[in-house]
């Protein structure tokens, strides 16, 4: 059903959501600002008030998904802030976000414009908010154990590689697994995660 009226910037968000849904169904090559305008029931010119071109539109969709992802990680970080399970649950949230939304994994990471900075200095930027949340949270936990900064950085890279790799596996369409990821992911992470003192 087409939406006919938007207020206070709602059209930008509606276009982004419609664009994401369209790519899921038809593929990125078929996407156009004109087609998205038609889906939203607005003029062909309306999207250009928000996006200069298709590339900028896709970048905005990526940012939208990245923000959804960051919100989930922030919720987990807040909920388990003082728990020894903080990093475990943060890792589970990372994997499950993509397991429940497999399209998002490829949409974010199959292109070259996503910045992956593994230095701890990334934690103070907003180029990749989900990775920054992981870095800041893990660094705080590891610093409580008085670990050297280089060791902390190495542990965070290993932690990110673990959950990012599990997310990649969990979203592959041809991977067969006898158990349910949601019920087993905590045990999988625990079985190979590096020990640390909280």
N, C-alpha and C. Protein backbone atom coordinates (compact mmCIF):
# COMPACT_ATOMS: atom_id res chain seq x y z
N UNK A 1 0.84 -1.20 0.00
CA UNK A 1 0.00 0.00 0.00
C UNK A 1 0.88 1.25 0.00
N UNK A 2 0.56 2.19 -0.85
CA UNK A 2 1.37 3.40 -0.97
C UNK A 2 1.01 4.40 0.11
N UNK A 3 2.05 5.02 0.69
CA UNK A 3 1.85 6.10 1.64
C UNK A 3 1.69 7.39 0.85
N UNK A 4 0.73 8.21 1.25
CA UNK A 4 0.43 9.40 0.45
C UNK A 4 0.89 10.71 1.10
N UNK A 5 1.15 10.72 2.41
CA UNK A 5 1.56 11.98 3.04
C UNK A 5 2.67 11.73 4.04
N UNK A 6 3.60 12.70 4.12
CA UNK A 6 4.75 12.60 5.01
C UNK A 6 4.95 13.95 5.68
N UNK A 7 5.46 13.92 6.88
CA UNK A 7 5.65 15.16 7.62
C UNK A 7 7.00 15.14 8.33
N UNK A 8 7.62 16.32 8.42
CA UNK A 8 8.82 16.51 9.24
C UNK A 8 9.92 15.50 8.91
N UNK A 9 10.21 15.32 7.64
CA UNK A 9 11.30 14.45 7.25
C UNK A 9 10.95 12.98 7.16
N UNK A 10 9.70 12.60 7.36
CA UNK A 10 9.32 11.20 7.30
C UNK A 10 9.55 10.59 5.92
N UNK A 11 9.49 11.41 4.88
CA UNK A 11 9.65 10.88 3.53
C UNK A 11 11.03 10.28 3.34
N UNK A 12 12.04 10.91 3.87
CA UNK A 12 13.40 10.36 3.73
C UNK A 12 13.47 8.94 4.31
N UNK A 13 12.94 8.78 5.50
CA UNK A 13 12.94 7.46 6.15
C UNK A 13 12.09 6.46 5.36
N UNK A 14 10.93 6.93 4.86
CA UNK A 14 10.05 6.05 4.09
C UNK A 14 10.73 5.59 2.80
N UNK A 15 11.45 6.49 2.15
CA UNK A 15 12.18 6.14 0.93
C UNK A 15 13.26 5.10 1.23
N UNK A 16 13.98 5.30 2.33
CA UNK A 16 15.04 4.37 2.71
C UNK A 16 14.47 2.98 2.97
N UNK A 17 13.40 2.92 3.74
CA UNK A 17 12.79 1.62 4.05
C UNK A 17 12.23 0.96 2.80
N UNK A 18 11.60 1.76 1.93
CA UNK A 18 11.07 1.21 0.68
C UNK A 18 12.20 0.71 -0.21
N UNK A 19 13.31 1.45 -0.24
CA UNK A 19 14.46 1.05 -1.03
C UNK A 19 15.05 -0.27 -0.56
N UNK A 20 15.17 -0.43 0.74
CA UNK A 20 15.69 -1.67 1.31
C UNK A 20 14.77 -2.84 0.95
N UNK A 21 13.48 -2.65 1.12
CA UNK A 21 12.53 -3.71 0.78
C UNK A 21 12.58 -4.06 -0.71
N UNK A 22 12.75 -3.03 -1.53
CA UNK A 22 12.80 -3.26 -2.97
C UNK A 22 14.04 -4.08 -3.35
N UNK A 23 15.19 -3.73 -2.78
CA UNK A 23 16.42 -4.47 -3.08
C UNK A 23 16.28 -5.92 -2.62
N UNK A 24 15.66 -6.14 -1.48
CA UNK A 24 15.45 -7.52 -1.00
C UNK A 24 14.67 -8.33 -2.02
N UNK A 25 13.66 -7.70 -2.62
CA UNK A 25 12.78 -8.42 -3.54
C UNK A 25 13.32 -8.50 -4.97
N UNK A 26 13.88 -7.39 -5.45
CA UNK A 26 14.21 -7.28 -6.87
C UNK A 26 15.70 -7.19 -7.17
N UNK A 27 16.51 -6.92 -6.16
CA UNK A 27 17.95 -6.76 -6.37
C UNK A 27 18.34 -5.31 -6.55
N UNK A 28 19.60 -5.03 -6.25
CA UNK A 28 20.07 -3.65 -6.27
C UNK A 28 20.10 -3.04 -7.67
N UNK A 29 20.39 -3.86 -8.67
CA UNK A 29 20.47 -3.34 -10.03
C UNK A 29 19.15 -2.74 -10.50
N UNK A 30 18.04 -3.29 -10.02
CA UNK A 30 16.72 -2.81 -10.45
C UNK A 30 16.28 -1.56 -9.71
N UNK A 31 16.99 -1.21 -8.64
CA UNK A 31 16.58 -0.06 -7.82
C UNK A 31 16.81 1.26 -8.54
N UNK A 32 15.88 2.17 -8.38
CA UNK A 32 16.06 3.55 -8.85
C UNK A 32 15.30 4.48 -7.92
N UNK A 33 15.71 5.72 -7.89
CA UNK A 33 14.98 6.70 -7.09
C UNK A 33 13.56 6.88 -7.64
N UNK A 34 13.43 6.79 -8.93
CA UNK A 34 12.11 6.94 -9.55
C UNK A 34 11.17 5.80 -9.11
N UNK A 35 11.69 4.57 -9.13
CA UNK A 35 10.88 3.42 -8.72
C UNK A 35 10.49 3.54 -7.24
N UNK A 36 11.43 4.01 -6.41
CA UNK A 36 11.15 4.16 -4.98
C UNK A 36 10.11 5.26 -4.75
N UNK A 37 10.19 6.31 -5.54
CA UNK A 37 9.19 7.37 -5.44
C UNK A 37 7.80 6.83 -5.77
N UNK A 38 7.73 6.00 -6.79
CA UNK A 38 6.46 5.39 -7.18
C UNK A 38 5.89 4.53 -6.05
N UNK A 39 6.76 3.74 -5.42
CA UNK A 39 6.32 2.88 -4.31
C UNK A 39 5.77 3.73 -3.16
N UNK A 40 6.41 4.86 -2.92
CA UNK A 40 5.99 5.73 -1.81
C UNK A 40 4.85 6.67 -2.18
N UNK A 41 4.48 6.67 -3.46
CA UNK A 41 3.35 7.49 -3.88
C UNK A 41 3.66 8.97 -3.93
N UNK A 42 4.91 9.32 -4.30
CA UNK A 42 5.29 10.72 -4.41
C UNK A 42 5.82 10.99 -5.81
N UNK A 43 6.07 12.23 -6.12
CA UNK A 43 6.53 12.60 -7.46
C UNK A 43 7.94 12.06 -7.70
N UNK A 44 8.31 11.93 -8.97
CA UNK A 44 9.64 11.45 -9.31
C UNK A 44 10.74 12.37 -8.79
N UNK A 45 10.40 13.65 -8.63
CA UNK A 45 11.40 14.63 -8.16
C UNK A 45 11.59 14.60 -6.65
N UNK A 46 10.59 14.10 -5.92
CA UNK A 46 10.62 14.18 -4.46
C UNK A 46 11.87 13.56 -3.81
N UNK A 47 12.33 12.39 -4.26
CA UNK A 47 13.51 11.80 -3.62
C UNK A 47 14.77 12.66 -3.73
N UNK A 48 14.83 13.48 -4.79
CA UNK A 48 16.03 14.28 -5.03
C UNK A 48 16.18 15.43 -4.04
N UNK A 49 15.15 15.66 -3.26
CA UNK A 49 15.26 16.64 -2.16
C UNK A 49 16.06 16.04 -1.00
N UNK A 50 16.22 14.72 -1.02
CA UNK A 50 16.91 14.02 0.07
C UNK A 50 18.19 13.33 -0.37
N UNK A 51 18.26 12.93 -1.65
CA UNK A 51 19.42 12.18 -2.15
C UNK A 51 19.80 12.71 -3.53
N UNK A 52 21.09 12.94 -3.73
CA UNK A 52 21.54 13.47 -5.02
C UNK A 52 21.43 12.44 -6.13
N UNK A 53 21.68 11.19 -5.79
CA UNK A 53 21.69 10.14 -6.80
C UNK A 53 21.52 8.78 -6.12
N UNK A 54 21.58 7.73 -6.93
CA UNK A 54 21.37 6.37 -6.41
C UNK A 54 22.46 5.98 -5.42
N UNK A 55 23.70 6.36 -5.70
CA UNK A 55 24.80 6.01 -4.79
C UNK A 55 24.59 6.61 -3.41
N UNK A 56 24.17 7.86 -3.38
CA UNK A 56 23.91 8.52 -2.09
C UNK A 56 22.72 7.87 -1.39
N UNK A 57 21.74 7.46 -2.16
CA UNK A 57 20.55 6.78 -1.62
C UNK A 57 20.96 5.45 -0.98
N UNK A 58 21.79 4.67 -1.67
CA UNK A 58 22.24 3.39 -1.13
C UNK A 58 23.09 3.60 0.12
N UNK A 59 23.94 4.63 0.11
CA UNK A 59 24.76 4.94 1.30
C UNK A 59 23.86 5.27 2.49
N UNK A 60 22.76 5.98 2.24
CA UNK A 60 21.82 6.32 3.32
C UNK A 60 21.13 5.06 3.84
N UNK A 61 20.83 4.13 2.95
CA UNK A 61 20.24 2.86 3.38
C UNK A 61 21.23 2.07 4.23
N UNK A 62 22.49 2.07 3.82
CA UNK A 62 23.52 1.40 4.62
C UNK A 62 23.61 2.02 6.02
N UNK A 63 23.58 3.32 6.07
CA UNK A 63 23.68 4.00 7.37
C UNK A 63 22.46 3.67 8.24
N UNK A 64 21.31 3.59 7.62
CA UNK A 64 20.09 3.23 8.34
C UNK A 64 20.23 1.84 8.98
N UNK A 65 20.72 0.87 8.19
CA UNK A 65 20.91 -0.48 8.71
C UNK A 65 21.99 -0.49 9.79
N UNK A 66 23.06 0.27 9.56
CA UNK A 66 24.14 0.35 10.55
C UNK A 66 23.61 0.92 11.87
N UNK A 67 22.73 1.89 11.79
CA UNK A 67 22.16 2.48 13.01
C UNK A 67 21.25 1.50 13.73
N UNK A 68 20.47 0.71 12.97
CA UNK A 68 19.64 -0.33 13.59
C UNK A 68 20.53 -1.32 14.35
N UNK A 69 21.62 -1.71 13.71
CA UNK A 69 22.57 -2.65 14.29
C UNK A 69 23.20 -2.07 15.56
N UNK A 70 23.64 -0.81 15.47
CA UNK A 70 24.25 -0.15 16.63
C UNK A 70 23.26 -0.04 17.78
N UNK A 71 22.00 0.24 17.48
CA UNK A 71 20.98 0.34 18.53
C UNK A 71 20.85 -0.98 19.29
N UNK A 72 20.87 -2.09 18.57
CA UNK A 72 20.76 -3.40 19.23
C UNK A 72 21.97 -3.66 20.13
N UNK A 73 23.16 -3.32 19.65
CA UNK A 73 24.35 -3.50 20.46
C UNK A 73 24.34 -2.59 21.69
N UNK A 74 23.88 -1.36 21.52
CA UNK A 74 23.79 -0.42 22.65
C UNK A 74 22.84 -0.93 23.72
N UNK A 75 21.71 -1.49 23.29
CA UNK A 75 20.75 -2.04 24.25
C UNK A 75 21.37 -3.17 25.06
N UNK A 76 22.09 -4.05 24.37
CA UNK A 76 22.74 -5.16 25.06
C UNK A 76 23.83 -4.66 26.00
N UNK A 77 24.63 -3.70 25.53
CA UNK A 77 25.69 -3.14 26.36
C UNK A 77 25.13 -2.51 27.63
N UNK A 78 23.99 -1.84 27.51
CA UNK A 78 23.35 -1.22 28.68
C UNK A 78 22.75 -2.28 29.60
N UNK A 79 22.10 -3.28 29.02
CA UNK A 79 21.44 -4.31 29.83
C UNK A 79 22.43 -5.15 30.63
N UNK A 80 23.59 -5.44 30.05
CA UNK A 80 24.56 -6.32 30.70
C UNK A 80 25.80 -5.56 31.20
N UNK A 81 25.65 -4.26 31.37
CA UNK A 81 26.77 -3.38 31.70
C UNK A 81 27.64 -3.91 32.85
N UNK A 82 27.02 -4.39 33.91
CA UNK A 82 27.77 -4.84 35.08
C UNK A 82 27.80 -6.36 35.22
N UNK A 83 27.51 -7.05 34.14
CA UNK A 83 27.46 -8.51 34.18
C UNK A 83 28.74 -9.13 33.62
N UNK A 84 29.19 -10.25 34.21
CA UNK A 84 30.33 -10.95 33.63
C UNK A 84 30.04 -11.49 32.23
N UNK A 85 28.77 -11.54 31.86
CA UNK A 85 28.37 -12.03 30.53
C UNK A 85 28.32 -10.93 29.49
N UNK A 86 28.78 -9.73 29.82
CA UNK A 86 28.65 -8.59 28.92
C UNK A 86 29.19 -8.88 27.52
N UNK A 87 30.45 -9.30 27.41
CA UNK A 87 31.04 -9.51 26.09
C UNK A 87 30.40 -10.70 25.37
N UNK A 88 30.06 -11.72 26.11
CA UNK A 88 29.38 -12.87 25.51
C UNK A 88 28.06 -12.45 24.90
N UNK A 89 27.26 -11.69 25.64
CA UNK A 89 25.95 -11.28 25.15
C UNK A 89 26.06 -10.26 24.02
N UNK A 90 27.10 -9.43 24.08
CA UNK A 90 27.34 -8.49 22.98
C UNK A 90 27.67 -9.26 21.70
N UNK A 91 28.50 -10.30 21.85
CA UNK A 91 28.83 -11.13 20.70
C UNK A 91 27.61 -11.84 20.15
N UNK A 92 26.77 -12.36 21.05
CA UNK A 92 25.55 -13.03 20.62
C UNK A 92 24.64 -12.06 19.86
N UNK A 93 24.51 -10.85 20.38
CA UNK A 93 23.68 -9.84 19.71
C UNK A 93 24.21 -9.55 18.31
N UNK A 94 25.52 -9.46 18.18
CA UNK A 94 26.15 -9.21 16.88
C UNK A 94 25.74 -10.28 15.88
N UNK A 95 25.92 -11.54 16.28
CA UNK A 95 25.61 -12.65 15.37
C UNK A 95 24.11 -12.72 15.07
N UNK A 96 23.29 -12.60 16.11
CA UNK A 96 21.85 -12.78 15.94
C UNK A 96 21.21 -11.67 15.12
N UNK A 97 21.78 -10.45 15.17
CA UNK A 97 21.24 -9.38 14.34
C UNK A 97 21.25 -9.79 12.88
N UNK A 98 22.35 -10.38 12.45
CA UNK A 98 22.46 -10.79 11.04
C UNK A 98 21.76 -12.11 10.77
N UNK A 99 21.76 -13.01 11.74
CA UNK A 99 21.04 -14.27 11.57
C UNK A 99 19.55 -14.00 11.34
N UNK A 100 19.01 -13.04 12.07
CA UNK A 100 17.59 -12.70 11.93
C UNK A 100 17.32 -11.79 10.74
N UNK A 101 18.38 -11.15 10.22
CA UNK A 101 18.25 -10.25 9.06
C UNK A 101 19.38 -10.54 8.08
N UNK A 102 19.41 -11.73 7.47
CA UNK A 102 20.56 -12.11 6.65
C UNK A 102 20.85 -11.17 5.49
N UNK A 103 19.84 -10.54 4.96
CA UNK A 103 20.06 -9.58 3.86
C UNK A 103 21.00 -8.47 4.29
N UNK A 104 20.90 -8.04 5.55
CA UNK A 104 21.70 -6.91 6.02
C UNK A 104 23.20 -7.20 5.97
N UNK A 105 23.60 -8.43 6.21
CA UNK A 105 25.04 -8.74 6.24
C UNK A 105 25.67 -8.46 4.88
N UNK A 106 25.11 -9.03 3.85
CA UNK A 106 25.65 -8.82 2.51
C UNK A 106 25.50 -7.37 2.08
N UNK A 107 24.38 -6.76 2.42
CA UNK A 107 24.12 -5.37 2.02
C UNK A 107 25.18 -4.44 2.62
N UNK A 108 25.60 -4.69 3.84
CA UNK A 108 26.61 -3.84 4.47
C UNK A 108 28.02 -4.15 4.02
N UNK A 109 28.37 -5.43 4.00
CA UNK A 109 29.78 -5.79 3.91
C UNK A 109 30.24 -6.27 2.54
N UNK A 110 29.35 -6.30 1.56
CA UNK A 110 29.77 -6.73 0.23
C UNK A 110 30.30 -5.56 -0.60
N UNK A 111 30.29 -4.38 -0.07
CA UNK A 111 30.74 -3.21 -0.83
C UNK A 111 31.97 -2.58 -0.17
N UNK A 112 32.62 -1.71 -0.89
CA UNK A 112 33.92 -1.21 -0.45
C UNK A 112 33.86 0.06 0.41
N UNK A 113 32.69 0.64 0.58
CA UNK A 113 32.64 1.93 1.28
C UNK A 113 32.50 1.81 2.80
N UNK A 114 32.38 0.60 3.33
CA UNK A 114 32.30 0.42 4.77
C UNK A 114 33.71 0.46 5.35
N UNK A 115 33.94 1.35 6.32
CA UNK A 115 35.25 1.50 6.93
C UNK A 115 35.39 0.52 8.09
N UNK A 116 36.47 -0.23 8.08
CA UNK A 116 36.79 -1.15 9.17
C UNK A 116 38.15 -0.73 9.72
N UNK A 117 38.14 0.02 10.81
CA UNK A 117 39.38 0.45 11.44
C UNK A 117 39.56 -0.33 12.73
N UNK A 118 40.58 -1.16 12.78
CA UNK A 118 40.77 -2.04 13.93
C UNK A 118 41.57 -1.39 15.05
N UNK A 119 42.12 -0.22 14.82
CA UNK A 119 42.80 0.51 15.89
C UNK A 119 41.79 0.93 16.94
N UNK A 120 42.22 0.95 18.20
CA UNK A 120 41.31 1.37 19.27
C UNK A 120 40.87 2.82 19.12
N UNK A 121 41.59 3.61 18.34
CA UNK A 121 41.19 5.00 18.12
C UNK A 121 39.85 5.09 17.39
N UNK A 122 39.45 4.00 16.72
CA UNK A 122 38.15 3.97 16.04
C UNK A 122 36.99 4.12 17.02
N UNK A 123 37.24 3.76 18.27
CA UNK A 123 36.17 3.82 19.27
C UNK A 123 35.70 5.24 19.51
N UNK A 124 36.49 6.22 19.08
CA UNK A 124 36.10 7.62 19.27
C UNK A 124 35.54 8.24 18.00
N UNK A 125 35.27 7.44 16.97
CA UNK A 125 34.70 7.96 15.74
C UNK A 125 33.32 7.36 15.51
N UNK A 126 32.62 7.90 14.53
CA UNK A 126 31.29 7.35 14.22
C UNK A 126 31.26 6.78 12.80
N UNK A 127 32.43 6.42 12.26
CA UNK A 127 32.47 5.86 10.91
C UNK A 127 31.82 4.48 10.86
N UNK A 128 32.01 3.71 11.93
CA UNK A 128 31.43 2.37 12.00
C UNK A 128 30.93 2.18 13.44
N UNK A 129 29.74 2.73 13.75
CA UNK A 129 29.25 2.70 15.13
C UNK A 129 29.19 1.32 15.77
N UNK A 130 28.74 0.26 15.07
CA UNK A 130 28.70 -1.05 15.72
C UNK A 130 30.08 -1.54 16.17
N UNK A 131 31.08 -1.39 15.30
CA UNK A 131 32.43 -1.81 15.67
C UNK A 131 32.95 -0.95 16.82
N UNK A 132 32.66 0.34 16.79
CA UNK A 132 33.09 1.23 17.87
C UNK A 132 32.48 0.82 19.21
N UNK A 133 31.23 0.39 19.20
CA UNK A 133 30.58 -0.07 20.44
C UNK A 133 31.29 -1.31 20.97
N UNK A 134 31.59 -2.25 20.09
CA UNK A 134 32.33 -3.44 20.50
C UNK A 134 33.69 -3.06 21.09
N UNK A 135 34.39 -2.18 20.40
CA UNK A 135 35.72 -1.78 20.84
C UNK A 135 35.69 -1.08 22.19
N UNK A 136 34.80 -0.12 22.34
CA UNK A 136 34.72 0.63 23.61
C UNK A 136 34.34 -0.27 24.77
N UNK A 137 33.35 -1.14 24.54
CA UNK A 137 32.87 -2.01 25.61
C UNK A 137 33.94 -3.02 26.01
N UNK A 138 34.54 -3.66 25.02
CA UNK A 138 35.57 -4.66 25.30
C UNK A 138 36.80 -4.03 25.93
N UNK A 139 37.19 -2.85 25.44
CA UNK A 139 38.36 -2.18 26.01
C UNK A 139 38.14 -1.87 27.49
N UNK A 140 36.94 -1.44 27.83
CA UNK A 140 36.64 -1.15 29.24
C UNK A 140 36.77 -2.41 30.10
N UNK A 141 36.23 -3.52 29.60
CA UNK A 141 36.32 -4.79 30.34
C UNK A 141 37.77 -5.23 30.49
N UNK A 142 38.53 -5.19 29.40
CA UNK A 142 39.90 -5.67 29.44
C UNK A 142 40.81 -4.75 30.26
N UNK A 143 40.53 -3.45 30.26
CA UNK A 143 41.35 -2.53 31.06
C UNK A 143 41.17 -2.78 32.55
N UNK A 144 40.00 -3.27 32.93
CA UNK A 144 39.78 -3.61 34.34
C UNK A 144 40.71 -4.74 34.77
N UNK A 145 41.20 -5.52 33.82
CA UNK A 145 42.13 -6.61 34.11
C UNK A 145 43.58 -6.15 33.98
N UNK A 146 43.78 -4.83 33.79
CA UNK A 146 45.13 -4.24 33.69
C UNK A 146 45.96 -4.85 32.56
N UNK A 147 45.32 -5.13 31.44
CA UNK A 147 46.04 -5.67 30.29
C UNK A 147 46.71 -4.54 29.51
N UNK A 148 47.85 -4.79 28.89
CA UNK A 148 48.49 -3.78 28.05
C UNK A 148 47.60 -3.42 26.86
N UNK A 149 47.72 -2.18 26.39
CA UNK A 149 46.86 -1.71 25.30
C UNK A 149 47.01 -2.57 24.04
N UNK A 150 48.23 -3.01 23.74
CA UNK A 150 48.44 -3.83 22.54
C UNK A 150 47.72 -5.17 22.69
N UNK A 151 47.75 -5.74 23.88
CA UNK A 151 47.04 -7.00 24.13
C UNK A 151 45.54 -6.79 24.01
N UNK A 152 45.07 -5.67 24.54
CA UNK A 152 43.64 -5.35 24.43
C UNK A 152 43.22 -5.25 22.98
N UNK A 153 44.03 -4.55 22.18
CA UNK A 153 43.68 -4.42 20.76
C UNK A 153 43.65 -5.78 20.08
N UNK A 154 44.63 -6.64 20.39
CA UNK A 154 44.67 -7.98 19.80
C UNK A 154 43.43 -8.79 20.19
N UNK A 155 43.05 -8.72 21.45
CA UNK A 155 41.88 -9.46 21.93
C UNK A 155 40.60 -8.97 21.25
N UNK A 156 40.51 -7.66 21.06
CA UNK A 156 39.31 -7.09 20.43
C UNK A 156 39.23 -7.52 18.96
N UNK A 157 40.36 -7.52 18.27
CA UNK A 157 40.37 -7.99 16.88
C UNK A 157 39.93 -9.46 16.82
N UNK A 158 40.46 -10.27 17.74
CA UNK A 158 40.08 -11.69 17.78
C UNK A 158 38.59 -11.85 18.08
N UNK A 159 38.08 -11.04 19.01
CA UNK A 159 36.67 -11.11 19.37
C UNK A 159 35.79 -10.71 18.18
N UNK A 160 36.18 -9.62 17.51
CA UNK A 160 35.40 -9.16 16.35
C UNK A 160 35.44 -10.20 15.22
N UNK A 161 36.64 -10.75 14.99
CA UNK A 161 36.77 -11.77 13.93
C UNK A 161 35.87 -12.97 14.23
N UNK A 162 35.79 -13.35 15.48
CA UNK A 162 34.96 -14.48 15.89
C UNK A 162 33.49 -14.22 15.57
N UNK A 163 32.95 -13.11 16.08
CA UNK A 163 31.50 -12.88 15.91
C UNK A 163 31.17 -12.50 14.47
N UNK A 164 32.07 -11.77 13.80
CA UNK A 164 31.81 -11.41 12.41
C UNK A 164 31.85 -12.65 11.53
N UNK A 165 32.78 -13.54 11.81
CA UNK A 165 32.86 -14.78 11.06
C UNK A 165 31.66 -15.67 11.31
N UNK A 166 31.22 -15.76 12.55
CA UNK A 166 30.02 -16.54 12.86
C UNK A 166 28.79 -15.95 12.16
N UNK A 167 28.72 -14.62 12.14
CA UNK A 167 27.60 -13.98 11.44
C UNK A 167 27.63 -14.31 9.95
N UNK A 168 28.82 -14.33 9.36
CA UNK A 168 28.95 -14.68 7.94
C UNK A 168 28.47 -16.10 7.69
N UNK A 169 28.90 -17.02 8.56
CA UNK A 169 28.50 -18.42 8.40
C UNK A 169 26.99 -18.58 8.59
N UNK A 170 26.45 -17.92 9.61
CA UNK A 170 25.03 -18.06 9.94
C UNK A 170 24.12 -17.50 8.85
N UNK A 171 24.65 -16.59 8.02
CA UNK A 171 23.82 -15.98 6.97
C UNK A 171 24.04 -16.62 5.61
N UNK A 172 24.98 -17.54 5.50
CA UNK A 172 25.21 -18.21 4.21
C UNK A 172 24.03 -19.13 3.89
N UNK A 173 23.45 -19.00 2.72
CA UNK A 173 22.26 -19.81 2.40
C UNK A 173 22.52 -21.30 2.27
N UNK A 174 23.75 -21.69 1.96
CA UNK A 174 24.04 -23.10 1.72
C UNK A 174 24.71 -23.81 2.88
N UNK A 175 24.76 -23.15 4.03
CA UNK A 175 25.38 -23.78 5.21
C UNK A 175 24.33 -24.63 5.93
N UNK A 176 24.66 -25.88 6.18
CA UNK A 176 23.76 -26.76 6.93
C UNK A 176 24.27 -26.90 8.35
N UNK A 177 23.34 -26.79 9.32
CA UNK A 177 23.71 -26.88 10.73
C UNK A 177 22.59 -27.63 11.44
N UNK A 178 22.96 -28.65 12.22
CA UNK A 178 21.95 -29.52 12.84
C UNK A 178 21.18 -28.85 13.96
N UNK A 179 21.79 -27.84 14.60
CA UNK A 179 21.13 -27.14 15.70
C UNK A 179 20.63 -25.78 15.25
N UNK A 180 19.92 -25.12 16.14
CA UNK A 180 19.44 -23.77 15.88
C UNK A 180 20.49 -22.77 16.37
N UNK A 181 20.88 -21.84 15.50
CA UNK A 181 21.90 -20.86 15.88
C UNK A 181 21.52 -20.12 17.16
N UNK A 182 20.27 -19.74 17.26
CA UNK A 182 19.86 -18.91 18.40
C UNK A 182 20.06 -19.63 19.73
N UNK A 183 19.83 -20.93 19.75
CA UNK A 183 19.97 -21.67 21.01
C UNK A 183 21.42 -22.09 21.28
N UNK A 184 22.27 -22.10 20.26
CA UNK A 184 23.63 -22.59 20.43
C UNK A 184 24.71 -21.52 20.38
N UNK A 185 24.37 -20.33 19.94
CA UNK A 185 25.41 -19.34 19.66
C UNK A 185 26.22 -18.97 20.90
N UNK A 186 25.60 -18.89 22.06
CA UNK A 186 26.35 -18.56 23.28
C UNK A 186 27.42 -19.62 23.56
N UNK A 187 27.04 -20.89 23.44
CA UNK A 187 27.99 -21.96 23.71
C UNK A 187 29.11 -21.99 22.66
N UNK A 188 28.77 -21.67 21.43
CA UNK A 188 29.79 -21.63 20.37
C UNK A 188 30.80 -20.53 20.68
N UNK A 189 30.31 -19.35 21.04
CA UNK A 189 31.21 -18.23 21.35
C UNK A 189 32.07 -18.57 22.56
N UNK A 190 31.44 -19.13 23.59
CA UNK A 190 32.19 -19.47 24.81
C UNK A 190 33.26 -20.52 24.53
N UNK A 191 32.99 -21.42 23.60
CA UNK A 191 33.91 -22.54 23.36
C UNK A 191 35.23 -22.09 22.74
N UNK A 192 35.23 -20.95 22.05
CA UNK A 192 36.47 -20.51 21.40
C UNK A 192 36.88 -19.09 21.74
N UNK A 193 36.17 -18.42 22.62
CA UNK A 193 36.54 -17.05 22.99
C UNK A 193 37.73 -17.08 23.94
N UNK A 194 38.52 -16.02 23.88
CA UNK A 194 39.72 -15.95 24.70
C UNK A 194 39.36 -15.66 26.15
N UNK A 195 39.99 -16.33 27.12
CA UNK A 195 39.69 -16.08 28.52
C UNK A 195 40.18 -14.71 28.96
N UNK A 196 39.50 -14.11 29.89
CA UNK A 196 39.90 -12.83 30.45
C UNK A 196 39.35 -12.71 31.84
N UNK A 197 39.91 -11.79 32.60
CA UNK A 197 39.38 -11.52 33.93
C UNK A 197 38.48 -10.31 33.85
N UNK A 198 37.28 -10.42 34.44
CA UNK A 198 36.36 -9.29 34.42
C UNK A 198 36.72 -8.34 35.54
